[in-house]
Amino acid sequence: MSITRPAQDGRGATAPGTAADTATGDGTAGVHRQDHGQDHGRAPGFRGDGHGGDHDAGTGELIKQATRQVSDLLRAELRLAVAELKDKGRHAGTGAGMFGGAALVALYGVGALIAAVIAAIAVALPVWASALIVGAALLLVAGVLAMLGRSQARRAAPAKPEQAMDEAKHAVAELKERATHR
């Protein structure tokens, strides 16, 4: 993951490869801006070879930049967490709908089985046998829907933004590593 200096215009622009850029996994979630030939990846006066240029940035400016970068990174991680939770919520809703469908189909199955018992008592074998076959088929459909609903519900659990938490841990580790190498 690369950490670059964020836009100073307050729009929260991010660079490709940052957490906000990868929030949906396709690189379209981040807001990109054109650099217009400016180097926004380094502090002013930093040449990238470990030595400052003619205009070394003061400690206060570096702290301000680091604070701004951390703030932008946290906003990007929050956007990623929201995207993950929305996806998991969608799976939970789909699973709940399938459980509801399974319950409805099971209710019809019970009704058909009850009709089969009534038909068996009232009439000859062919009527109740056909009602029994219909009831068993409906219960089979209910079982399939219940398994599909369970699968969807498992995809939603646990309801925590795992990818965002991993990204945040990696970002903190990278910042600590960079801080110890200066």
N, C-alpha and C. Protein backbone atom coordinates (compact mmCIF):
# COMPACT_ATOMS: atom_id res chain seq x y z
N MET A 1 0.86 -1.18 0.00
CA MET A 1 0.00 0.00 0.00
C MET A 1 0.89 1.22 0.00
N SER A 2 0.62 2.19 -0.83
CA SER A 2 1.42 3.38 -0.86
C SER A 2 0.66 4.51 -0.21
N ILE A 3 1.38 5.29 0.55
CA ILE A 3 0.76 6.44 1.21
C ILE A 3 1.31 7.68 0.54
N THR A 4 0.44 8.48 -0.01
CA THR A 4 0.86 9.71 -0.67
C THR A 4 0.24 10.89 0.03
N ARG A 5 0.80 12.03 -0.25
CA ARG A 5 0.27 13.25 0.35
C ARG A 5 -1.11 13.52 -0.22
N PRO A 6 -2.13 13.72 0.63
CA PRO A 6 -3.50 13.93 0.15
C PRO A 6 -3.69 15.31 -0.45
N ALA A 7 -4.80 15.45 -1.15
CA ALA A 7 -5.15 16.74 -1.74
C ALA A 7 -5.36 17.76 -0.64
N GLN A 8 -4.93 18.99 -0.88
CA GLN A 8 -5.09 20.02 0.13
C GLN A 8 -6.36 20.81 -0.06
N ASP A 9 -7.18 20.40 -1.01
CA ASP A 9 -8.40 21.16 -1.26
C ASP A 9 -9.57 20.67 -0.43
N GLY A 10 -9.35 19.68 0.46
CA GLY A 10 -10.40 19.22 1.35
C GLY A 10 -11.37 18.24 0.74
N ARG A 11 -11.12 17.79 -0.51
CA ARG A 11 -12.05 16.86 -1.15
C ARG A 11 -11.78 15.42 -0.74
N GLY A 12 -10.69 15.15 -0.07
CA GLY A 12 -10.40 13.79 0.34
C GLY A 12 -9.93 12.93 -0.82
N ALA A 13 -9.22 13.50 -1.79
CA ALA A 13 -8.75 12.74 -2.94
C ALA A 13 -7.72 11.72 -2.48
N THR A 14 -7.69 10.59 -3.16
CA THR A 14 -6.75 9.54 -2.81
C THR A 14 -6.02 9.09 -4.05
N ALA A 15 -4.92 8.42 -3.84
CA ALA A 15 -4.12 7.92 -4.94
C ALA A 15 -4.42 6.45 -5.16
N PRO A 16 -4.18 5.95 -6.37
CA PRO A 16 -4.40 4.53 -6.64
C PRO A 16 -3.58 3.68 -5.68
N GLY A 17 -4.18 2.59 -5.21
CA GLY A 17 -3.49 1.69 -4.30
C GLY A 17 -3.75 1.99 -2.85
N THR A 18 -4.38 3.11 -2.53
CA THR A 18 -4.70 3.40 -1.14
C THR A 18 -5.98 2.70 -0.77
N ALA A 19 -6.29 2.68 0.53
CA ALA A 19 -7.47 1.96 1.00
C ALA A 19 -8.74 2.48 0.36
N ALA A 20 -8.85 3.79 0.18
CA ALA A 20 -10.08 4.34 -0.40
C ALA A 20 -10.20 3.95 -1.86
N ASP A 21 -9.06 3.83 -2.53
CA ASP A 21 -9.09 3.47 -3.94
C ASP A 21 -9.55 2.04 -4.13
N THR A 22 -9.28 1.18 -3.15
CA THR A 22 -9.61 -0.23 -3.28
C THR A 22 -10.83 -0.62 -2.48
N ALA A 23 -11.67 0.32 -2.11
CA ALA A 23 -12.83 0.02 -1.26
C ALA A 23 -13.76 -0.99 -1.90
N THR A 24 -13.92 -0.98 -3.21
CA THR A 24 -14.81 -1.94 -3.85
C THR A 24 -14.03 -3.04 -4.54
N GLY A 25 -12.71 -2.99 -4.47
CA GLY A 25 -11.90 -4.01 -5.09
C GLY A 25 -11.63 -3.78 -6.57
N ASP A 26 -12.29 -2.82 -7.17
CA ASP A 26 -12.06 -2.58 -8.60
C ASP A 26 -11.35 -1.26 -8.85
N GLY A 27 -10.95 -0.57 -7.81
CA GLY A 27 -10.20 0.66 -7.98
C GLY A 27 -11.05 1.86 -8.34
N THR A 28 -12.37 1.76 -8.22
CA THR A 28 -13.22 2.87 -8.62
C THR A 28 -13.78 3.66 -7.45
N ALA A 29 -13.52 3.22 -6.22
CA ALA A 29 -14.16 3.87 -5.08
C ALA A 29 -13.48 5.17 -4.70
N GLY A 30 -12.17 5.31 -4.97
CA GLY A 30 -11.47 6.51 -4.56
C GLY A 30 -11.76 7.67 -5.49
N VAL A 31 -11.57 8.86 -4.99
CA VAL A 31 -11.72 10.06 -5.81
C VAL A 31 -10.33 10.44 -6.27
N HIS A 32 -10.12 10.52 -7.57
CA HIS A 32 -8.79 10.82 -8.09
C HIS A 32 -8.76 12.26 -8.59
N ARG A 33 -7.60 12.87 -8.50
CA ARG A 33 -7.44 14.19 -9.05
C ARG A 33 -6.14 14.21 -9.83
N GLN A 34 -6.07 15.10 -10.78
CA GLN A 34 -4.87 15.19 -11.58
C GLN A 34 -3.85 16.03 -10.82
N ASP A 35 -2.58 15.64 -10.96
CA ASP A 35 -1.53 16.32 -10.21
C ASP A 35 -1.04 17.59 -10.89
N HIS A 36 -1.26 17.74 -12.17
CA HIS A 36 -0.79 18.91 -12.91
C HIS A 36 0.70 19.13 -12.71
N GLY A 37 1.47 18.04 -12.74
CA GLY A 37 2.92 18.14 -12.67
C GLY A 37 3.46 18.38 -11.29
N GLN A 38 2.64 18.40 -10.27
CA GLN A 38 3.12 18.64 -8.92
C GLN A 38 3.42 17.31 -8.25
N ASP A 39 4.42 17.29 -7.40
CA ASP A 39 4.75 16.08 -6.66
C ASP A 39 4.08 16.16 -5.30
N HIS A 40 2.98 15.41 -5.14
CA HIS A 40 2.26 15.42 -3.88
C HIS A 40 2.63 14.23 -3.01
N GLY A 41 3.62 13.47 -3.40
CA GLY A 41 3.99 12.28 -2.65
C GLY A 41 5.05 12.54 -1.60
N ARG A 42 5.66 13.74 -1.59
CA ARG A 42 6.74 14.01 -0.64
C ARG A 42 6.54 15.37 0.00
N ALA A 43 7.19 15.52 1.11
CA ALA A 43 7.16 16.82 1.78
C ALA A 43 7.92 17.82 0.94
N PRO A 44 7.58 19.10 1.04
CA PRO A 44 8.29 20.12 0.26
C PRO A 44 9.79 20.07 0.54
N GLY A 45 10.61 20.13 -0.51
CA GLY A 45 12.05 20.14 -0.35
C GLY A 45 12.65 18.76 -0.17
N PHE A 46 11.87 17.71 -0.23
CA PHE A 46 12.38 16.36 -0.04
C PHE A 46 12.67 15.76 -1.40
N ARG A 47 13.92 15.34 -1.61
CA ARG A 47 14.31 14.81 -2.91
C ARG A 47 14.11 13.31 -3.01
N GLY A 48 13.88 12.62 -1.91
CA GLY A 48 13.68 11.19 -1.96
C GLY A 48 14.97 10.40 -1.77
N ASP A 49 16.14 11.09 -1.63
CA ASP A 49 17.40 10.37 -1.44
C ASP A 49 17.86 10.43 0.02
N GLY A 50 16.98 10.87 0.90
CA GLY A 50 17.32 10.93 2.31
C GLY A 50 17.86 12.28 2.74
N HIS A 51 18.09 13.18 1.79
CA HIS A 51 18.60 14.50 2.12
C HIS A 51 17.59 15.54 1.70
N GLY A 52 17.44 16.57 2.49
CA GLY A 52 16.51 17.64 2.13
C GLY A 52 17.07 18.47 1.01
N GLY A 53 16.20 19.15 0.31
CA GLY A 53 16.64 20.04 -0.77
C GLY A 53 16.99 21.39 -0.20
N ASP A 54 16.86 22.42 -1.03
CA ASP A 54 17.18 23.77 -0.61
C ASP A 54 16.23 24.25 0.46
N HIS A 55 14.99 23.80 0.43
CA HIS A 55 13.97 24.28 1.35
C HIS A 55 13.46 23.12 2.19
N ASP A 56 14.20 22.75 3.21
CA ASP A 56 13.76 21.65 4.08
C ASP A 56 12.49 22.05 4.80
N ALA A 57 11.54 21.11 4.87
CA ALA A 57 10.29 21.37 5.58
C ALA A 57 10.58 21.33 7.08
N GLY A 58 9.95 22.24 7.79
CA GLY A 58 10.12 22.27 9.22
C GLY A 58 9.37 21.14 9.89
N THR A 59 9.71 20.89 11.14
CA THR A 59 9.06 19.82 11.88
C THR A 59 7.56 20.06 11.99
N GLY A 60 7.17 21.29 12.21
CA GLY A 60 5.74 21.61 12.32
C GLY A 60 4.99 21.28 11.04
N GLU A 61 5.60 21.61 9.90
CA GLU A 61 4.96 21.31 8.61
C GLU A 61 4.86 19.80 8.40
N LEU A 62 5.91 19.08 8.76
CA LEU A 62 5.88 17.62 8.61
C LEU A 62 4.82 17.00 9.51
N ILE A 63 4.68 17.50 10.72
CA ILE A 63 3.65 16.99 11.63
C ILE A 63 2.27 17.29 11.07
N LYS A 64 2.11 18.50 10.52
CA LYS A 64 0.82 18.86 9.94
C LYS A 64 0.49 17.94 8.76
N GLN A 65 1.49 17.67 7.93
CA GLN A 65 1.27 16.77 6.79
C GLN A 65 0.94 15.36 7.26
N ALA A 66 1.67 14.88 8.26
CA ALA A 66 1.41 13.53 8.78
C ALA A 66 0.01 13.44 9.37
N THR A 67 -0.40 14.48 10.09
CA THR A 67 -1.74 14.50 10.67
C THR A 67 -2.79 14.47 9.57
N ARG A 68 -2.56 15.25 8.53
CA ARG A 68 -3.50 15.29 7.41
C ARG A 68 -3.57 13.93 6.72
N GLN A 69 -2.40 13.29 6.54
CA GLN A 69 -2.38 11.98 5.89
C GLN A 69 -3.10 10.93 6.73
N VAL A 70 -2.87 10.95 8.04
CA VAL A 70 -3.55 9.99 8.92
C VAL A 70 -5.05 10.23 8.89
N SER A 71 -5.45 11.50 8.90
CA SER A 71 -6.88 11.82 8.83
C SER A 71 -7.50 11.31 7.54
N ASP A 72 -6.82 11.54 6.42
CA ASP A 72 -7.33 11.06 5.13
C ASP A 72 -7.36 9.54 5.09
N LEU A 73 -6.35 8.91 5.65
CA LEU A 73 -6.31 7.45 5.69
C LEU A 73 -7.47 6.90 6.52
N LEU A 74 -7.75 7.51 7.66
CA LEU A 74 -8.86 7.06 8.50
C LEU A 74 -10.19 7.24 7.78
N ARG A 75 -10.36 8.34 7.06
CA ARG A 75 -11.60 8.54 6.29
C ARG A 75 -11.74 7.46 5.22
N ALA A 76 -10.64 7.14 4.57
CA ALA A 76 -10.68 6.10 3.53
C ALA A 76 -11.02 4.74 4.14
N GLU A 77 -10.45 4.44 5.29
CA GLU A 77 -10.76 3.17 5.96
C GLU A 77 -12.22 3.13 6.39
N LEU A 78 -12.75 4.26 6.82
CA LEU A 78 -14.16 4.31 7.21
C LEU A 78 -15.06 4.06 6.00
N ARG A 79 -14.71 4.64 4.85
CA ARG A 79 -15.49 4.38 3.64
C ARG A 79 -15.45 2.90 3.26
N LEU A 80 -14.28 2.28 3.42
CA LEU A 80 -14.15 0.86 3.13
C LEU A 80 -14.99 0.03 4.09
N ALA A 81 -14.99 0.39 5.37
CA ALA A 81 -15.79 -0.34 6.36
C ALA A 81 -17.28 -0.23 6.04
N VAL A 82 -17.73 0.95 5.65
CA VAL A 82 -19.15 1.14 5.30
C VAL A 82 -19.50 0.28 4.09
N ALA A 83 -18.63 0.24 3.09
CA ALA A 83 -18.89 -0.58 1.90
C ALA A 83 -18.98 -2.06 2.26
N GLU A 84 -18.09 -2.52 3.15
CA GLU A 84 -18.13 -3.92 3.56
C GLU A 84 -19.41 -4.24 4.33
N LEU A 85 -19.79 -3.35 5.24
CA LEU A 85 -21.00 -3.61 6.03
C LEU A 85 -22.25 -3.60 5.16
N LYS A 86 -22.29 -2.73 4.14
CA LYS A 86 -23.43 -2.74 3.22
C LYS A 86 -23.52 -4.08 2.50
N ASP A 87 -22.38 -4.59 2.05
CA ASP A 87 -22.37 -5.87 1.34
C ASP A 87 -22.85 -7.00 2.25
N LYS A 88 -22.36 -7.02 3.48
CA LYS A 88 -22.78 -8.07 4.42
C LYS A 88 -24.25 -7.92 4.78
N GLY A 89 -24.74 -6.70 4.89
CA GLY A 89 -26.16 -6.48 5.17
C GLY A 89 -27.04 -6.98 4.04
N ARG A 90 -26.56 -6.80 2.80
CA ARG A 90 -27.32 -7.28 1.65
C ARG A 90 -27.43 -8.81 1.70
N HIS A 91 -26.33 -9.48 2.05
CA HIS A 91 -26.37 -10.94 2.16
C HIS A 91 -27.30 -11.39 3.29
N ALA A 92 -27.27 -10.67 4.41
CA ALA A 92 -28.15 -11.03 5.53
C ALA A 92 -29.62 -10.86 5.12
N GLY A 93 -29.94 -9.80 4.40
CA GLY A 93 -31.31 -9.58 3.93
C GLY A 93 -31.76 -10.66 2.96
N THR A 94 -30.87 -11.04 2.05
CA THR A 94 -31.20 -12.11 1.11
C THR A 94 -31.44 -13.42 1.84
N GLY A 95 -30.58 -13.73 2.81
CA GLY A 95 -30.75 -14.95 3.60
C GLY A 95 -32.05 -14.96 4.38
N ALA A 96 -32.39 -13.82 4.97
CA ALA A 96 -33.65 -13.72 5.73
C ALA A 96 -34.85 -13.91 4.80
N GLY A 97 -34.79 -13.34 3.60
CA GLY A 97 -35.87 -13.51 2.64
C GLY A 97 -36.04 -14.97 2.23
N MET A 98 -34.91 -15.65 2.06
CA MET A 98 -34.99 -17.07 1.69
C MET A 98 -35.54 -17.92 2.84
N PHE A 99 -35.18 -17.57 4.08
CA PHE A 99 -35.78 -18.26 5.23
C PHE A 99 -37.28 -18.03 5.26
N GLY A 100 -37.71 -16.82 4.97
CA GLY A 100 -39.15 -16.52 4.92
C GLY A 100 -39.84 -17.33 3.83
N GLY A 101 -39.19 -17.43 2.67
CA GLY A 101 -39.74 -18.24 1.58
C GLY A 101 -39.82 -19.71 1.97
N ALA A 102 -38.80 -20.19 2.67
CA ALA A 102 -38.81 -21.58 3.13
C ALA A 102 -39.96 -21.82 4.10
N ALA A 103 -40.21 -20.87 4.99
CA ALA A 103 -41.32 -21.02 5.94
C ALA A 103 -42.67 -21.05 5.22
N LEU A 104 -42.83 -20.20 4.21
CA LEU A 104 -44.09 -20.17 3.46
C LEU A 104 -44.32 -21.49 2.71
N VAL A 105 -43.26 -21.97 2.05
CA VAL A 105 -43.39 -23.23 1.32
C VAL A 105 -43.64 -24.39 2.28
N ALA A 106 -42.99 -24.38 3.44
CA ALA A 106 -43.22 -25.42 4.45
C ALA A 106 -44.67 -25.38 4.94
N LEU A 107 -45.23 -24.19 5.07
CA LEU A 107 -46.63 -24.07 5.48
C LEU A 107 -47.55 -24.73 4.44
N TYR A 108 -47.27 -24.48 3.16
CA TYR A 108 -48.05 -25.15 2.12
C TYR A 108 -47.86 -26.67 2.19
N GLY A 109 -46.63 -27.10 2.47
CA GLY A 109 -46.37 -28.54 2.60
C GLY A 109 -47.17 -29.18 3.73
N VAL A 110 -47.22 -28.49 4.86
CA VAL A 110 -48.02 -28.99 5.98
C VAL A 110 -49.49 -29.04 5.60
N GLY A 111 -49.95 -28.01 4.89
CA GLY A 111 -51.35 -28.00 4.44
C GLY A 111 -51.65 -29.16 3.51
N ALA A 112 -50.70 -29.44 2.61
CA ALA A 112 -50.90 -30.56 1.69
C ALA A 112 -50.88 -31.89 2.43
N LEU A 113 -50.00 -32.01 3.43
CA LEU A 113 -49.96 -33.25 4.21
C LEU A 113 -51.25 -33.44 5.02
N ILE A 114 -51.76 -32.36 5.54
CA ILE A 114 -53.04 -32.44 6.26
C ILE A 114 -54.15 -32.85 5.29
N ALA A 115 -54.14 -32.26 4.10
CA ALA A 115 -55.14 -32.64 3.09
C ALA A 115 -54.98 -34.11 2.72
N ALA A 116 -53.75 -34.62 2.71
CA ALA A 116 -53.52 -36.03 2.40
C ALA A 116 -54.13 -36.94 3.47
N VAL A 117 -53.97 -36.54 4.72
CA VAL A 117 -54.56 -37.34 5.81
C VAL A 117 -56.08 -37.33 5.70
N ILE A 118 -56.62 -36.15 5.44
CA ILE A 118 -58.09 -36.06 5.30
C ILE A 118 -58.55 -36.89 4.11
N ALA A 119 -57.85 -36.81 3.01
CA ALA A 119 -58.23 -37.57 1.81
C ALA A 119 -58.10 -39.07 2.05
N ALA A 120 -57.10 -39.48 2.82
CA ALA A 120 -56.91 -40.90 3.10
C ALA A 120 -58.07 -41.47 3.91
N ILE A 121 -58.55 -40.66 4.81
CA ILE A 121 -59.67 -41.13 5.63
C ILE A 121 -60.96 -41.13 4.82
N ALA A 122 -61.18 -40.12 4.01
CA ALA A 122 -62.47 -39.93 3.33
C ALA A 122 -62.61 -40.73 2.05
N VAL A 123 -61.55 -40.93 1.34
CA VAL A 123 -61.68 -41.51 0.00
C VAL A 123 -60.67 -42.66 -0.17
N ALA A 124 -60.62 -43.18 -1.31
CA ALA A 124 -59.73 -44.30 -1.62
C ALA A 124 -58.27 -43.86 -1.73
N LEU A 125 -57.42 -44.81 -1.92
CA LEU A 125 -55.96 -44.60 -1.91
C LEU A 125 -55.44 -43.57 -2.93
N PRO A 126 -55.85 -43.50 -4.15
CA PRO A 126 -55.24 -42.58 -5.11
C PRO A 126 -55.30 -41.10 -4.70
N VAL A 127 -56.34 -40.64 -4.04
CA VAL A 127 -56.44 -39.22 -3.67
C VAL A 127 -55.40 -38.87 -2.61
N TRP A 128 -55.33 -39.63 -1.56
CA TRP A 128 -54.37 -39.28 -0.52
C TRP A 128 -52.94 -39.52 -0.98
N ALA A 129 -52.72 -40.49 -1.83
CA ALA A 129 -51.37 -40.74 -2.34
C ALA A 129 -50.87 -39.54 -3.15
N SER A 130 -51.75 -38.98 -3.96
CA SER A 130 -51.33 -37.81 -4.74
C SER A 130 -51.09 -36.60 -3.83
N ALA A 131 -51.94 -36.43 -2.80
CA ALA A 131 -51.73 -35.32 -1.86
C ALA A 131 -50.43 -35.52 -1.08
N LEU A 132 -50.11 -36.74 -0.74
CA LEU A 132 -48.86 -37.04 -0.03
C LEU A 132 -47.64 -36.72 -0.90
N ILE A 133 -47.72 -37.05 -2.17
CA ILE A 133 -46.61 -36.75 -3.09
C ILE A 133 -46.41 -35.24 -3.21
N VAL A 134 -47.51 -34.48 -3.34
CA VAL A 134 -47.41 -33.02 -3.44
C VAL A 134 -46.82 -32.43 -2.16
N GLY A 135 -47.29 -32.91 -1.02
CA GLY A 135 -46.76 -32.41 0.27
C GLY A 135 -45.28 -32.68 0.42
N ALA A 136 -44.85 -33.88 0.06
CA ALA A 136 -43.43 -34.22 0.16
C ALA A 136 -42.59 -33.35 -0.78
N ALA A 137 -43.10 -33.11 -1.98
CA ALA A 137 -42.36 -32.25 -2.92
C ALA A 137 -42.23 -30.82 -2.40
N LEU A 138 -43.30 -30.29 -1.79
CA LEU A 138 -43.23 -28.94 -1.23
C LEU A 138 -42.24 -28.86 -0.07
N LEU A 139 -42.22 -29.89 0.75
CA LEU A 139 -41.24 -29.90 1.85
C LEU A 139 -39.81 -30.01 1.33
N LEU A 140 -39.62 -30.71 0.24
CA LEU A 140 -38.29 -30.78 -0.37
C LEU A 140 -37.85 -29.39 -0.85
N VAL A 141 -38.76 -28.66 -1.48
CA VAL A 141 -38.46 -27.29 -1.92
C VAL A 141 -38.13 -26.41 -0.72
N ALA A 142 -38.89 -26.57 0.37
CA ALA A 142 -38.62 -25.79 1.58
C ALA A 142 -37.24 -26.09 2.13
N GLY A 143 -36.83 -27.34 2.09
CA GLY A 143 -35.49 -27.72 2.55
C GLY A 143 -34.40 -27.08 1.73
N VAL A 144 -34.58 -27.06 0.41
CA VAL A 144 -33.58 -26.43 -0.46
C VAL A 144 -33.49 -24.93 -0.18
N LEU A 145 -34.64 -24.26 -0.03
CA LEU A 145 -34.64 -22.82 0.27
C LEU A 145 -33.98 -22.54 1.62
N ALA A 146 -34.23 -23.40 2.60
CA ALA A 146 -33.62 -23.20 3.92
C ALA A 146 -32.11 -23.33 3.85
N MET A 147 -31.61 -24.28 3.08
CA MET A 147 -30.15 -24.43 2.94
C MET A 147 -29.55 -23.23 2.21
N LEU A 148 -30.22 -22.73 1.19
CA LEU A 148 -29.73 -21.54 0.48
C LEU A 148 -29.74 -20.32 1.40
N GLY A 149 -30.79 -20.16 2.19
CA GLY A 149 -30.86 -19.05 3.14
C GLY A 149 -29.77 -19.13 4.18
N ARG A 150 -29.49 -20.33 4.66
CA ARG A 150 -28.42 -20.52 5.65
C ARG A 150 -27.07 -20.15 5.05
N SER A 151 -26.86 -20.52 3.81
CA SER A 151 -25.61 -20.17 3.13
C SER A 151 -25.45 -18.66 3.02
N GLN A 152 -26.52 -17.95 2.65
CA GLN A 152 -26.45 -16.48 2.55
C GLN A 152 -26.20 -15.85 3.92
N ALA A 153 -26.85 -16.36 4.95
CA ALA A 153 -26.67 -15.80 6.29
C ALA A 153 -25.24 -16.01 6.78
N ARG A 154 -24.63 -17.13 6.45
CA ARG A 154 -23.24 -17.38 6.85
C ARG A 154 -22.28 -16.41 6.17
N ARG A 155 -22.59 -16.02 4.93
CA ARG A 155 -21.72 -15.08 4.21
C ARG A 155 -21.74 -13.70 4.86
N ALA A 156 -22.81 -13.39 5.58
CA ALA A 156 -22.93 -12.08 6.22
C ALA A 156 -22.25 -12.04 7.58
N ALA A 157 -21.95 -13.18 8.17
CA ALA A 157 -21.38 -13.21 9.51
C ALA A 157 -19.87 -13.38 9.41
N PRO A 158 -19.11 -12.83 10.28
CA PRO A 158 -19.49 -11.85 11.28
C PRO A 158 -19.66 -10.47 10.65
N ALA A 159 -20.49 -9.67 11.25
CA ALA A 159 -20.81 -8.35 10.69
C ALA A 159 -19.76 -7.33 11.12
N LYS A 160 -18.53 -7.56 10.70
CA LYS A 160 -17.47 -6.59 10.96
C LYS A 160 -16.67 -6.41 9.68
N PRO A 161 -16.16 -5.23 9.46
CA PRO A 161 -15.42 -4.94 8.22
C PRO A 161 -14.00 -5.51 8.26
N GLU A 162 -13.85 -6.78 7.94
CA GLU A 162 -12.56 -7.46 8.06
C GLU A 162 -11.50 -6.84 7.16
N GLN A 163 -11.84 -6.55 5.92
CA GLN A 163 -10.86 -5.99 5.00
C GLN A 163 -10.39 -4.61 5.47
N ALA A 164 -11.31 -3.80 5.94
CA ALA A 164 -10.93 -2.46 6.42
C ALA A 164 -10.03 -2.56 7.64
N MET A 165 -10.33 -3.49 8.54
CA MET A 165 -9.49 -3.64 9.73
C MET A 165 -8.09 -4.11 9.35
N ASP A 166 -7.99 -5.04 8.39
CA ASP A 166 -6.68 -5.49 7.94
C ASP A 166 -5.90 -4.35 7.29
N GLU A 167 -6.57 -3.55 6.45
CA GLU A 167 -5.92 -2.41 5.80
C GLU A 167 -5.40 -1.41 6.85
N ALA A 168 -6.20 -1.15 7.87
CA ALA A 168 -5.80 -0.21 8.91
C ALA A 168 -4.58 -0.73 9.66
N LYS A 169 -4.56 -2.03 9.97
CA LYS A 169 -3.40 -2.62 10.67
C LYS A 169 -2.15 -2.51 9.82
N HIS A 170 -2.28 -2.79 8.52
CA HIS A 170 -1.12 -2.69 7.63
C HIS A 170 -0.64 -1.25 7.51
N ALA A 171 -1.56 -0.31 7.45
CA ALA A 171 -1.18 1.10 7.34
C ALA A 171 -0.45 1.56 8.59
N VAL A 172 -0.94 1.17 9.77
CA VAL A 172 -0.29 1.54 11.02
C VAL A 172 1.10 0.93 11.08
N ALA A 173 1.23 -0.34 10.68
CA ALA A 173 2.53 -0.99 10.69
C ALA A 173 3.50 -0.29 9.74
N GLU A 174 3.02 0.10 8.57
CA GLU A 174 3.87 0.80 7.61
C GLU A 174 4.30 2.17 8.14
N LEU A 175 3.37 2.88 8.77
CA LEU A 175 3.72 4.18 9.34
C LEU A 175 4.75 4.02 10.45
N LYS A 176 4.60 3.00 11.29
CA LYS A 176 5.58 2.76 12.36
C LYS A 176 6.94 2.43 11.77
N GLU A 177 6.96 1.62 10.72
CA GLU A 177 8.21 1.25 10.08
C GLU A 177 8.89 2.47 9.47
N ARG A 178 8.13 3.30 8.81
CA ARG A 178 8.70 4.52 8.22
C ARG A 178 9.20 5.47 9.30
N ALA A 179 8.51 5.54 10.42
CA ALA A 179 8.92 6.44 11.49
C ALA A 179 10.23 5.99 12.12
N THR A 180 10.46 4.67 12.20
CA THR A 180 11.69 4.18 12.81
C THR A 180 12.88 4.27 11.87
N HIS A 181 12.65 4.41 10.57
CA HIS A 181 13.74 4.49 9.59
C HIS A 181 14.19 5.91 9.32
N ARG A 182 13.61 6.90 9.93
CA ARG A 182 13.98 8.30 9.66
C ARG A 182 15.00 8.79 10.62
